Amino acid sequence: MRKTRVLLLLALVVVIVVIAGSVVAVHHGFRARDQPSALETYVARIVRGLAVPSRAKNEKNQFTASPELMAEARAHFADHCALCHANNGSGNTQIGQNLYPKAPDMRLPPTQNLTDGELYYTIHNGIRLTGMPAWGPEKEDEDSWKLVLFIRHLPQLTAAEEREMEALNPKGPGEKQEELEEEQFLNEGQPGNLVPKPPTRHDH
């Protein structure tokens, strides 16, 4: 009975949001640049809470933090997650800030207060109607549990760790070419790496 009441209430809220959204759309259009309203944010959090099964919420992380495991999780985050979430979890990236809703600052309570099971479920299964995809194989995957540990560590991330992650971020062809040219330029001035000059011609 309680579940039916919650679902009816949720349906009513969704209808109200749809009507309000339609009114706004008539005047402003649907833009990903807009900031979600307080009502949208509230509804989205309710929906997210309902979307995670109670069994999943109560699951415990099978891994505990160690230097080796955290280094592995840091590298995984830098390679797979930082494009949207930034190395420090702030979400302050070109993609993260232009999604709708925007990528959250995972260092803050709305993310840090989630259970390990909720974090894992979100990473592993994604969130519909957002930019958050599902990661890993369909069955339970260890990498997502390790990422949960790293997300817990984000509020204490050091500058040294962030610099280390920058070297692991995916790079496009342009960035790779720039790095190659910079490396070649630096190597030209090193002893033993001098580029030989072409022979001078002497016409007799």
N, C-alpha and C. Protein backbone atom coordinates (compact mmCIF):
# COMPACT_ATOMS: atom_id res chain seq x y z
N MET A 1 0.83 -1.20 0.00
CA MET A 1 0.00 0.00 0.00
C MET A 1 0.87 1.25 0.00
N ARG A 2 1.88 1.24 0.88
CA ARG A 2 2.77 2.41 0.97
C ARG A 2 3.50 2.63 -0.35
N LYS A 3 3.93 1.52 -0.98
CA LYS A 3 4.64 1.63 -2.26
C LYS A 3 3.74 2.22 -3.33
N THR A 4 2.46 1.81 -3.34
CA THR A 4 1.50 2.34 -4.32
C THR A 4 1.32 3.84 -4.12
N ARG A 5 1.23 4.26 -2.85
CA ARG A 5 1.07 5.68 -2.54
C ARG A 5 2.28 6.48 -3.01
N VAL A 6 3.47 5.92 -2.78
CA VAL A 6 4.71 6.60 -3.21
C VAL A 6 4.74 6.72 -4.73
N LEU A 7 4.36 5.65 -5.42
CA LEU A 7 4.37 5.68 -6.89
C LEU A 7 3.36 6.69 -7.43
N LEU A 8 2.19 6.77 -6.80
CA LEU A 8 1.19 7.75 -7.23
C LEU A 8 1.69 9.18 -7.00
N LEU A 9 2.31 9.38 -5.85
CA LEU A 9 2.87 10.70 -5.55
C LEU A 9 3.96 11.05 -6.55
N LEU A 10 4.80 10.08 -6.84
CA LEU A 10 5.87 10.30 -7.81
C LEU A 10 5.30 10.62 -9.19
N ALA A 11 4.25 9.89 -9.58
CA ALA A 11 3.61 10.14 -10.88
C ALA A 11 3.04 11.55 -10.94
N LEU A 12 2.44 11.98 -9.83
CA LEU A 12 1.89 13.34 -9.77
C LEU A 12 2.98 14.39 -9.90
N VAL A 13 4.09 14.16 -9.20
CA VAL A 13 5.21 15.11 -9.28
C VAL A 13 5.76 15.16 -10.69
N VAL A 14 5.87 14.00 -11.34
CA VAL A 14 6.38 13.95 -12.72
C VAL A 14 5.46 14.73 -13.64
N VAL A 15 4.14 14.58 -13.47
CA VAL A 15 3.17 15.30 -14.30
C VAL A 15 3.34 16.80 -14.12
N ILE A 16 3.51 17.22 -12.85
CA ILE A 16 3.70 18.65 -12.57
C ILE A 16 4.97 19.16 -13.23
N VAL A 17 6.05 18.37 -13.13
CA VAL A 17 7.33 18.77 -13.74
C VAL A 17 7.18 18.87 -15.26
N VAL A 18 6.47 17.90 -15.85
CA VAL A 18 6.28 17.92 -17.31
C VAL A 18 5.50 19.15 -17.73
N ILE A 19 4.44 19.48 -17.00
CA ILE A 19 3.64 20.67 -17.34
C ILE A 19 4.48 21.93 -17.18
N ALA A 20 5.20 22.02 -16.04
CA ALA A 20 6.05 23.20 -15.81
C ALA A 20 7.14 23.29 -16.87
N GLY A 21 7.71 22.15 -17.22
CA GLY A 21 8.75 22.13 -18.24
C GLY A 21 8.23 22.56 -19.60
N SER A 22 7.00 22.16 -19.90
CA SER A 22 6.39 22.53 -21.18
C SER A 22 6.18 24.04 -21.26
N VAL A 23 5.74 24.62 -20.14
CA VAL A 23 5.54 26.07 -20.11
C VAL A 23 6.86 26.80 -20.32
N VAL A 24 7.90 26.32 -19.62
CA VAL A 24 9.23 26.94 -19.77
C VAL A 24 9.74 26.77 -21.19
N ALA A 25 9.52 25.60 -21.77
CA ALA A 25 10.02 25.32 -23.11
C ALA A 25 9.42 26.24 -24.15
N VAL A 26 8.14 26.59 -23.94
CA VAL A 26 7.48 27.49 -24.89
C VAL A 26 8.20 28.83 -24.94
N HIS A 27 8.68 29.26 -23.78
CA HIS A 27 9.35 30.56 -23.70
C HIS A 27 10.84 30.50 -23.96
N HIS A 28 11.49 29.45 -23.51
CA HIS A 28 12.95 29.39 -23.57
C HIS A 28 13.52 28.27 -24.43
N GLY A 29 12.72 27.25 -24.70
CA GLY A 29 13.26 26.10 -25.42
C GLY A 29 13.98 25.15 -24.47
N PHE A 30 14.38 23.98 -25.00
CA PHE A 30 15.10 23.00 -24.19
C PHE A 30 16.59 23.16 -24.45
N ARG A 31 17.31 23.69 -23.48
CA ARG A 31 18.74 23.90 -23.64
C ARG A 31 19.50 23.11 -22.59
N ALA A 32 20.55 22.43 -23.03
CA ALA A 32 21.38 21.70 -22.08
C ALA A 32 22.19 22.65 -21.21
N ARG A 33 22.31 23.92 -21.63
CA ARG A 33 23.10 24.89 -20.87
C ARG A 33 22.39 25.34 -19.60
N ASP A 34 21.07 25.18 -19.55
CA ASP A 34 20.32 25.64 -18.39
C ASP A 34 20.65 24.83 -17.15
N GLN A 35 20.50 25.47 -16.01
CA GLN A 35 20.68 24.80 -14.73
C GLN A 35 19.34 24.18 -14.33
N PRO A 36 19.31 22.89 -13.96
CA PRO A 36 18.04 22.30 -13.52
C PRO A 36 17.44 23.09 -12.36
N SER A 37 16.12 23.21 -12.37
CA SER A 37 15.43 23.93 -11.30
C SER A 37 15.52 23.12 -10.01
N ALA A 38 15.19 23.78 -8.90
CA ALA A 38 15.21 23.10 -7.60
C ALA A 38 14.23 21.93 -7.60
N LEU A 39 13.07 22.11 -8.26
CA LEU A 39 12.08 21.04 -8.32
C LEU A 39 12.60 19.85 -9.11
N GLU A 40 13.23 20.13 -10.25
CA GLU A 40 13.81 19.05 -11.07
C GLU A 40 14.87 18.28 -10.28
N THR A 41 15.71 19.02 -9.58
CA THR A 41 16.78 18.39 -8.79
C THR A 41 16.18 17.51 -7.70
N TYR A 42 15.15 18.00 -7.05
CA TYR A 42 14.50 17.25 -5.98
C TYR A 42 13.88 15.96 -6.53
N VAL A 43 13.16 16.09 -7.65
CA VAL A 43 12.52 14.92 -8.26
C VAL A 43 13.57 13.92 -8.72
N ALA A 44 14.67 14.43 -9.32
CA ALA A 44 15.72 13.54 -9.82
C ALA A 44 16.34 12.74 -8.68
N ARG A 45 16.52 13.36 -7.51
CA ARG A 45 17.09 12.65 -6.38
C ARG A 45 16.13 11.59 -5.84
N ILE A 46 14.84 11.91 -5.86
CA ILE A 46 13.84 10.92 -5.43
C ILE A 46 13.85 9.73 -6.37
N VAL A 47 13.86 10.03 -7.67
CA VAL A 47 13.86 8.97 -8.68
C VAL A 47 15.11 8.12 -8.55
N ARG A 48 16.26 8.76 -8.34
CA ARG A 48 17.51 8.01 -8.19
C ARG A 48 17.43 7.10 -6.98
N GLY A 49 16.86 7.60 -5.90
CA GLY A 49 16.73 6.78 -4.70
C GLY A 49 15.82 5.58 -4.93
N LEU A 50 14.74 5.79 -5.68
CA LEU A 50 13.81 4.69 -5.96
C LEU A 50 14.39 3.71 -6.97
N ALA A 51 15.29 4.22 -7.83
CA ALA A 51 15.83 3.38 -8.89
C ALA A 51 16.83 2.35 -8.38
N VAL A 52 17.44 2.64 -7.24
CA VAL A 52 18.42 1.70 -6.67
C VAL A 52 17.69 0.73 -5.75
N PRO A 53 17.69 -0.56 -6.06
CA PRO A 53 17.02 -1.55 -5.21
C PRO A 53 17.58 -1.52 -3.79
N SER A 54 16.72 -1.78 -2.81
CA SER A 54 17.15 -1.76 -1.41
C SER A 54 18.28 -2.76 -1.17
N ARG A 55 18.23 -3.89 -1.87
CA ARG A 55 19.31 -4.88 -1.73
C ARG A 55 20.65 -4.28 -2.14
N ALA A 56 20.63 -3.51 -3.27
CA ALA A 56 21.87 -2.90 -3.77
C ALA A 56 22.37 -1.81 -2.83
N LYS A 57 21.46 -1.06 -2.23
CA LYS A 57 21.87 0.02 -1.31
C LYS A 57 22.67 -0.52 -0.13
N ASN A 58 22.33 -1.71 0.29
CA ASN A 58 22.95 -2.28 1.49
C ASN A 58 24.19 -3.11 1.21
N GLU A 59 24.59 -3.22 -0.04
CA GLU A 59 25.78 -4.01 -0.37
C GLU A 59 27.03 -3.33 0.16
N LYS A 60 27.96 -4.14 0.64
CA LYS A 60 29.21 -3.61 1.19
C LYS A 60 30.35 -3.82 0.20
N ASN A 61 31.27 -2.89 0.22
CA ASN A 61 32.43 -2.98 -0.66
C ASN A 61 33.34 -4.12 -0.20
N GLN A 62 33.67 -5.00 -1.12
CA GLN A 62 34.53 -6.14 -0.79
C GLN A 62 36.00 -5.75 -0.70
N PHE A 63 36.32 -4.53 -1.14
CA PHE A 63 37.72 -4.08 -1.15
C PHE A 63 37.96 -3.06 -0.04
N THR A 64 39.17 -3.04 0.45
CA THR A 64 39.59 -2.00 1.40
C THR A 64 40.78 -1.26 0.79
N ALA A 65 40.92 -0.01 1.17
CA ALA A 65 41.95 0.83 0.55
C ALA A 65 43.35 0.35 0.89
N SER A 66 44.20 0.35 -0.12
CA SER A 66 45.64 0.09 0.04
C SER A 66 46.33 0.96 -0.99
N PRO A 67 47.62 1.29 -0.81
CA PRO A 67 48.31 2.13 -1.80
C PRO A 67 48.23 1.57 -3.21
N GLU A 68 48.37 0.25 -3.35
CA GLU A 68 48.36 -0.37 -4.68
C GLU A 68 46.96 -0.28 -5.30
N LEU A 69 45.94 -0.58 -4.51
CA LEU A 69 44.58 -0.55 -5.02
C LEU A 69 44.15 0.87 -5.36
N MET A 70 44.52 1.83 -4.53
CA MET A 70 44.14 3.22 -4.79
C MET A 70 44.85 3.75 -6.03
N ALA A 71 46.08 3.33 -6.27
CA ALA A 71 46.79 3.74 -7.49
C ALA A 71 46.07 3.18 -8.72
N GLU A 72 45.60 1.94 -8.62
CA GLU A 72 44.87 1.32 -9.72
C GLU A 72 43.55 2.05 -9.98
N ALA A 73 42.83 2.36 -8.90
CA ALA A 73 41.55 3.06 -9.04
C ALA A 73 41.75 4.48 -9.57
N ARG A 74 42.83 5.15 -9.14
CA ARG A 74 43.14 6.50 -9.61
C ARG A 74 43.38 6.49 -11.10
N ALA A 75 44.15 5.51 -11.57
CA ALA A 75 44.45 5.41 -13.00
C ALA A 75 43.18 5.12 -13.80
N HIS A 76 42.33 4.25 -13.26
CA HIS A 76 41.06 3.91 -13.94
C HIS A 76 40.17 5.15 -14.04
N PHE A 77 40.07 5.91 -12.95
CA PHE A 77 39.24 7.11 -12.95
C PHE A 77 39.78 8.14 -13.95
N ALA A 78 41.10 8.32 -13.96
CA ALA A 78 41.71 9.28 -14.88
C ALA A 78 41.45 8.92 -16.33
N ASP A 79 41.44 7.64 -16.62
CA ASP A 79 41.29 7.18 -18.01
C ASP A 79 39.83 7.10 -18.45
N HIS A 80 38.92 6.78 -17.52
CA HIS A 80 37.53 6.53 -17.91
C HIS A 80 36.54 7.60 -17.44
N CYS A 81 36.81 8.25 -16.33
CA CYS A 81 35.79 9.10 -15.69
C CYS A 81 36.09 10.60 -15.74
N ALA A 82 37.38 10.95 -15.79
CA ALA A 82 37.78 12.35 -15.63
C ALA A 82 37.32 13.24 -16.78
N LEU A 83 37.04 12.67 -17.93
CA LEU A 83 36.60 13.46 -19.08
C LEU A 83 35.35 14.26 -18.72
N CYS A 84 34.46 13.66 -17.95
CA CYS A 84 33.24 14.35 -17.51
C CYS A 84 33.36 14.88 -16.08
N HIS A 85 34.00 14.11 -15.21
CA HIS A 85 33.99 14.43 -13.77
C HIS A 85 35.22 15.19 -13.30
N ALA A 86 36.25 15.34 -14.14
CA ALA A 86 37.52 15.98 -13.78
C ALA A 86 38.29 15.07 -12.84
N ASN A 87 39.60 15.19 -12.84
CA ASN A 87 40.44 14.33 -12.00
C ASN A 87 40.10 14.46 -10.52
N ASN A 88 39.69 15.67 -10.11
CA ASN A 88 39.41 15.89 -8.69
C ASN A 88 37.94 15.65 -8.33
N GLY A 89 37.14 15.20 -9.31
CA GLY A 89 35.74 14.89 -9.04
C GLY A 89 34.81 16.09 -9.01
N SER A 90 35.33 17.28 -9.35
CA SER A 90 34.52 18.50 -9.28
C SER A 90 33.46 18.59 -10.37
N GLY A 91 33.64 17.82 -11.47
CA GLY A 91 32.73 17.92 -12.60
C GLY A 91 32.99 19.15 -13.45
N ASN A 92 34.05 19.90 -13.12
CA ASN A 92 34.34 21.14 -13.84
C ASN A 92 35.16 20.85 -15.10
N THR A 93 34.52 20.25 -16.09
CA THR A 93 35.13 20.00 -17.39
C THR A 93 34.18 20.51 -18.46
N GLN A 94 34.68 20.65 -19.69
CA GLN A 94 33.84 21.17 -20.76
C GLN A 94 32.61 20.28 -20.98
N ILE A 95 32.82 18.96 -20.95
CA ILE A 95 31.69 18.05 -21.13
C ILE A 95 30.81 18.04 -19.88
N GLY A 96 31.42 17.90 -18.72
CA GLY A 96 30.65 17.80 -17.48
C GLY A 96 29.73 18.98 -17.24
N GLN A 97 30.20 20.19 -17.57
CA GLN A 97 29.39 21.38 -17.31
C GLN A 97 28.39 21.68 -18.42
N ASN A 98 28.45 20.93 -19.52
CA ASN A 98 27.49 21.14 -20.60
C ASN A 98 26.52 19.98 -20.76
N LEU A 99 26.56 19.04 -19.81
CA LEU A 99 25.54 18.00 -19.75
C LEU A 99 24.29 18.56 -19.07
N TYR A 100 23.18 17.84 -19.21
CA TYR A 100 21.97 18.23 -18.49
C TYR A 100 21.36 16.99 -17.86
N PRO A 101 21.39 16.84 -16.56
CA PRO A 101 21.98 17.77 -15.59
C PRO A 101 23.50 17.73 -15.63
N LYS A 102 24.12 18.77 -15.10
CA LYS A 102 25.57 18.87 -15.11
C LYS A 102 26.18 17.79 -14.21
N ALA A 103 27.41 17.42 -14.53
CA ALA A 103 28.10 16.43 -13.68
C ALA A 103 28.24 17.01 -12.27
N PRO A 104 27.91 16.24 -11.24
CA PRO A 104 27.94 16.78 -9.88
C PRO A 104 29.37 16.88 -9.35
N ASP A 105 29.53 17.70 -8.34
CA ASP A 105 30.80 17.74 -7.59
C ASP A 105 30.74 16.57 -6.61
N MET A 106 31.47 15.51 -6.92
CA MET A 106 31.39 14.29 -6.13
C MET A 106 32.09 14.39 -4.78
N ARG A 107 32.73 15.51 -4.52
CA ARG A 107 33.38 15.71 -3.22
C ARG A 107 32.38 16.16 -2.16
N LEU A 108 31.19 16.56 -2.61
CA LEU A 108 30.20 17.15 -1.71
C LEU A 108 29.22 16.11 -1.15
N PRO A 109 28.49 16.46 -0.08
CA PRO A 109 27.60 15.51 0.60
C PRO A 109 26.60 14.77 -0.29
N PRO A 110 25.96 15.40 -1.31
CA PRO A 110 24.98 14.64 -2.09
C PRO A 110 25.55 13.35 -2.69
N THR A 111 26.86 13.32 -2.96
CA THR A 111 27.50 12.09 -3.44
C THR A 111 28.14 11.32 -2.29
N GLN A 112 28.88 12.01 -1.44
CA GLN A 112 29.61 11.34 -0.37
C GLN A 112 28.68 10.67 0.65
N ASN A 113 27.44 11.16 0.77
CA ASN A 113 26.51 10.56 1.73
C ASN A 113 25.80 9.33 1.19
N LEU A 114 25.99 9.01 -0.08
CA LEU A 114 25.41 7.79 -0.64
C LEU A 114 26.13 6.58 -0.04
N THR A 115 25.45 5.46 0.04
CA THR A 115 26.09 4.23 0.53
C THR A 115 27.03 3.70 -0.55
N ASP A 116 27.92 2.81 -0.14
CA ASP A 116 28.81 2.18 -1.12
C ASP A 116 28.00 1.46 -2.19
N GLY A 117 26.92 0.82 -1.76
CA GLY A 117 26.08 0.10 -2.70
C GLY A 117 25.44 1.03 -3.72
N GLU A 118 25.00 2.21 -3.28
CA GLU A 118 24.39 3.18 -4.21
C GLU A 118 25.42 3.70 -5.21
N LEU A 119 26.63 3.98 -4.73
CA LEU A 119 27.69 4.44 -5.64
C LEU A 119 28.02 3.36 -6.67
N TYR A 120 28.18 2.12 -6.19
CA TYR A 120 28.49 1.03 -7.11
C TYR A 120 27.38 0.86 -8.14
N TYR A 121 26.14 0.86 -7.69
CA TYR A 121 25.01 0.65 -8.60
C TYR A 121 24.96 1.73 -9.67
N THR A 122 25.24 2.98 -9.27
CA THR A 122 25.24 4.10 -10.22
C THR A 122 26.34 3.94 -11.26
N ILE A 123 27.54 3.59 -10.82
CA ILE A 123 28.66 3.41 -11.75
C ILE A 123 28.38 2.24 -12.69
N HIS A 124 27.93 1.14 -12.12
CA HIS A 124 27.79 -0.10 -12.87
C HIS A 124 26.61 -0.08 -13.84
N ASN A 125 25.50 0.58 -13.44
CA ASN A 125 24.28 0.53 -14.24
C ASN A 125 23.93 1.85 -14.92
N GLY A 126 24.64 2.94 -14.58
CA GLY A 126 24.33 4.22 -15.19
C GLY A 126 23.01 4.79 -14.68
N ILE A 127 22.67 5.98 -15.20
CA ILE A 127 21.42 6.65 -14.82
C ILE A 127 20.71 7.08 -16.10
N ARG A 128 19.51 6.62 -16.28
CA ARG A 128 18.76 6.96 -17.48
C ARG A 128 18.51 8.46 -17.58
N LEU A 129 18.41 8.94 -18.83
CA LEU A 129 18.09 10.34 -19.14
C LEU A 129 19.13 11.31 -18.60
N THR A 130 20.36 10.83 -18.40
CA THR A 130 21.48 11.71 -18.03
C THR A 130 22.66 11.29 -18.90
N GLY A 131 23.80 11.93 -18.69
CA GLY A 131 25.00 11.55 -19.44
C GLY A 131 25.77 10.42 -18.80
N MET A 132 25.23 9.84 -17.70
CA MET A 132 25.96 8.80 -16.97
C MET A 132 25.70 7.43 -17.59
N PRO A 133 26.71 6.83 -18.25
CA PRO A 133 26.52 5.51 -18.86
C PRO A 133 26.74 4.39 -17.86
N ALA A 134 26.36 3.19 -18.26
CA ALA A 134 26.67 2.00 -17.46
C ALA A 134 28.08 1.54 -17.82
N TRP A 135 28.86 1.14 -16.80
CA TRP A 135 30.25 0.72 -17.03
C TRP A 135 30.43 -0.74 -16.62
N GLY A 136 31.42 -1.35 -17.21
CA GLY A 136 31.79 -2.70 -16.82
C GLY A 136 30.89 -3.75 -17.44
N PRO A 137 31.21 -5.01 -17.21
CA PRO A 137 30.39 -6.11 -17.74
C PRO A 137 29.04 -6.14 -17.05
N GLU A 138 28.10 -6.89 -17.63
CA GLU A 138 26.75 -6.94 -17.06
C GLU A 138 26.76 -7.54 -15.66
N LYS A 139 27.61 -8.54 -15.46
CA LYS A 139 27.73 -9.12 -14.12
C LYS A 139 28.56 -8.19 -13.24
N GLU A 140 28.61 -8.50 -11.95
CA GLU A 140 29.35 -7.66 -11.01
C GLU A 140 30.81 -7.53 -11.41
N ASP A 141 31.33 -6.29 -11.34
CA ASP A 141 32.73 -6.08 -11.74
C ASP A 141 33.53 -5.43 -10.61
N GLU A 142 34.76 -5.86 -10.48
CA GLU A 142 35.61 -5.39 -9.40
C GLU A 142 36.03 -3.94 -9.59
N ASP A 143 36.23 -3.51 -10.85
CA ASP A 143 36.71 -2.15 -11.10
C ASP A 143 35.76 -1.10 -10.53
N SER A 144 34.44 -1.34 -10.65
CA SER A 144 33.48 -0.36 -10.14
C SER A 144 33.53 -0.27 -8.63
N TRP A 145 33.76 -1.40 -7.94
CA TRP A 145 33.90 -1.36 -6.49
C TRP A 145 35.15 -0.60 -6.09
N LYS A 146 36.23 -0.75 -6.86
CA LYS A 146 37.46 -0.02 -6.56
C LYS A 146 37.26 1.48 -6.78
N LEU A 147 36.46 1.83 -7.80
CA LEU A 147 36.17 3.24 -8.03
C LEU A 147 35.40 3.85 -6.87
N VAL A 148 34.57 3.06 -6.22
CA VAL A 148 33.84 3.55 -5.05
C VAL A 148 34.84 4.02 -3.98
N LEU A 149 35.90 3.26 -3.76
CA LEU A 149 36.93 3.66 -2.80
C LEU A 149 37.58 4.97 -3.21
N PHE A 150 37.84 5.13 -4.51
CA PHE A 150 38.49 6.36 -4.97
C PHE A 150 37.54 7.54 -4.80
N ILE A 151 36.26 7.36 -5.08
CA ILE A 151 35.30 8.44 -4.91
C ILE A 151 35.25 8.88 -3.45
N ARG A 152 35.35 7.93 -2.54
CA ARG A 152 35.40 8.28 -1.10
C ARG A 152 36.64 9.11 -0.78
N HIS A 153 37.70 8.90 -1.55
CA HIS A 153 38.97 9.59 -1.28
C HIS A 153 39.02 10.99 -1.91
N LEU A 154 38.10 11.30 -2.80
CA LEU A 154 38.17 12.56 -3.55
C LEU A 154 38.29 13.81 -2.66
N PRO A 155 37.56 13.92 -1.55
CA PRO A 155 37.72 15.13 -0.73
C PRO A 155 39.13 15.31 -0.17
N GLN A 156 39.92 14.23 -0.11
CA GLN A 156 41.29 14.32 0.41
C GLN A 156 42.34 14.20 -0.70
N LEU A 157 41.92 14.27 -1.96
CA LEU A 157 42.87 14.11 -3.06
C LEU A 157 43.97 15.17 -2.99
N THR A 158 45.23 14.75 -3.13
CA THR A 158 46.35 15.69 -3.03
C THR A 158 46.71 16.25 -4.40
N ALA A 159 47.44 17.35 -4.39
CA ALA A 159 47.88 17.96 -5.64
C ALA A 159 48.80 17.01 -6.41
N ALA A 160 49.62 16.27 -5.69
CA ALA A 160 50.54 15.32 -6.33
C ALA A 160 49.76 14.22 -7.04
N GLU A 161 48.70 13.72 -6.39
CA GLU A 161 47.88 12.68 -7.00
C GLU A 161 47.18 13.21 -8.25
N GLU A 162 46.72 14.45 -8.18
CA GLU A 162 46.04 15.05 -9.33
C GLU A 162 46.99 15.23 -10.51
N ARG A 163 48.23 15.63 -10.23
CA ARG A 163 49.23 15.77 -11.30
C ARG A 163 49.54 14.41 -11.93
N GLU A 164 49.62 13.39 -11.10
CA GLU A 164 49.87 12.04 -11.59
C GLU A 164 48.74 11.59 -12.54
N MET A 165 47.53 11.97 -12.20
CA MET A 165 46.37 11.58 -13.01
C MET A 165 46.37 12.30 -14.36
N GLU A 166 46.87 13.52 -14.40
CA GLU A 166 46.88 14.28 -15.65
C GLU A 166 47.64 13.55 -16.74
N ALA A 167 48.70 12.86 -16.36
CA ALA A 167 49.49 12.11 -17.34
C ALA A 167 48.73 10.89 -17.87
N LEU A 168 47.68 10.48 -17.16
CA LEU A 168 46.93 9.29 -17.54
C LEU A 168 45.62 9.62 -18.26
N ASN A 169 45.29 10.92 -18.34
CA ASN A 169 44.06 11.30 -19.04
C ASN A 169 44.16 11.00 -20.53
N PRO A 170 43.06 10.55 -21.15
CA PRO A 170 43.07 10.31 -22.60
C PRO A 170 43.40 11.59 -23.35
N LYS A 171 44.15 11.46 -24.43
CA LYS A 171 44.54 12.62 -25.22
C LYS A 171 44.12 12.42 -26.67
N GLY A 172 43.65 13.51 -27.27
CA GLY A 172 43.27 13.48 -28.68
C GLY A 172 44.50 13.56 -29.56
N PRO A 173 44.32 13.37 -30.87
CA PRO A 173 45.45 13.42 -31.81
C PRO A 173 46.24 14.72 -31.75
N GLY A 174 45.53 15.85 -31.58
CA GLY A 174 46.21 17.15 -31.52
C GLY A 174 47.12 17.26 -30.32
N GLU A 175 46.62 16.82 -29.15
CA GLU A 175 47.42 16.87 -27.92
C GLU A 175 48.63 15.95 -28.01
N LYS A 176 48.42 14.76 -28.60
CA LYS A 176 49.54 13.82 -28.75
C LYS A 176 50.62 14.41 -29.65
N GLN A 177 50.21 15.08 -30.73
CA GLN A 177 51.17 15.69 -31.66
C GLN A 177 51.94 16.80 -30.96
N GLU A 178 51.24 17.61 -30.15
CA GLU A 178 51.90 18.69 -29.40
C GLU A 178 52.94 18.12 -28.44
N GLU A 179 52.58 17.05 -27.74
CA GLU A 179 53.53 16.43 -26.81
C GLU A 179 54.74 15.89 -27.53
N LEU A 180 54.52 15.28 -28.71
CA LEU A 180 55.61 14.73 -29.49
C LEU A 180 56.56 15.84 -29.95
N GLU A 181 55.98 16.95 -30.43
CA GLU A 181 56.80 18.07 -30.90
C GLU A 181 57.58 18.69 -29.75
N GLU A 182 56.92 18.80 -28.57
CA GLU A 182 57.60 19.36 -27.40
C GLU A 182 58.76 18.46 -26.96
N GLU A 183 58.51 17.15 -26.98
CA GLU A 183 59.56 16.20 -26.59
C GLU A 183 60.73 16.26 -27.56
N GLN A 184 60.43 16.35 -28.85
CA GLN A 184 61.50 16.44 -29.86
C GLN A 184 62.31 17.72 -29.67
N PHE A 185 61.59 18.83 -29.38
CA PHE A 185 62.27 20.11 -29.19
C PHE A 185 63.21 20.05 -27.99
N LEU A 186 62.73 19.45 -26.89
CA LEU A 186 63.55 19.35 -25.68
C LEU A 186 64.74 18.42 -25.89
N ASN A 187 64.54 17.34 -26.63
CA ASN A 187 65.62 16.38 -26.86
C ASN A 187 66.70 16.91 -27.77
N GLU A 188 66.36 17.86 -28.63
CA GLU A 188 67.35 18.40 -29.56
C GLU A 188 68.48 19.10 -28.82
N GLY A 189 68.17 19.66 -27.65
CA GLY A 189 69.20 20.39 -26.92
C GLY A 189 70.01 19.54 -25.96
N GLN A 190 69.69 18.24 -25.86
CA GLN A 190 70.40 17.37 -24.93
C GLN A 190 71.66 16.79 -25.57
N PRO A 191 72.76 16.67 -24.80
CA PRO A 191 73.98 16.06 -25.36
C PRO A 191 73.69 14.65 -25.87
N GLY A 192 74.18 14.37 -27.03
CA GLY A 192 73.98 13.05 -27.62
C GLY A 192 72.71 12.96 -28.43
N ASN A 193 71.84 14.01 -28.33
CA ASN A 193 70.60 13.99 -29.08
C ASN A 193 70.55 15.10 -30.13
N LEU A 194 71.72 15.64 -30.43
CA LEU A 194 71.76 16.72 -31.41
C LEU A 194 71.39 16.20 -32.79
N VAL A 195 70.58 16.96 -33.46
CA VAL A 195 70.17 16.58 -34.80
C VAL A 195 71.30 16.95 -35.76
N PRO A 196 71.82 16.00 -36.53
CA PRO A 196 72.94 16.32 -37.42
C PRO A 196 72.55 17.33 -38.49
N LYS A 197 73.45 18.27 -38.72
CA LYS A 197 73.19 19.27 -39.75
C LYS A 197 73.53 18.69 -41.12
N PRO A 198 72.82 19.13 -42.13
CA PRO A 198 73.12 18.63 -43.48
C PRO A 198 74.51 19.09 -43.90
N PRO A 199 75.25 18.26 -44.67
CA PRO A 199 76.62 18.64 -45.09
C PRO A 199 76.60 19.90 -45.96
N THR A 200 77.64 20.73 -45.77
CA THR A 200 77.74 21.97 -46.57
C THR A 200 78.39 21.63 -47.90
N ARG A 201 77.79 22.10 -48.96
CA ARG A 201 78.34 21.85 -50.31
C ARG A 201 79.42 22.87 -50.64
N HIS A 202 80.48 22.38 -51.22
CA HIS A 202 81.55 23.27 -51.69
C HIS A 202 81.69 23.06 -53.19
N ASP A 203 81.31 24.02 -53.96
CA ASP A 203 81.44 23.92 -55.41
C ASP A 203 82.80 24.45 -55.83
N HIS A 204 83.56 23.61 -56.55
CA HIS A 204 84.91 24.04 -57.01
C HIS A 204 84.83 24.25 -58.52
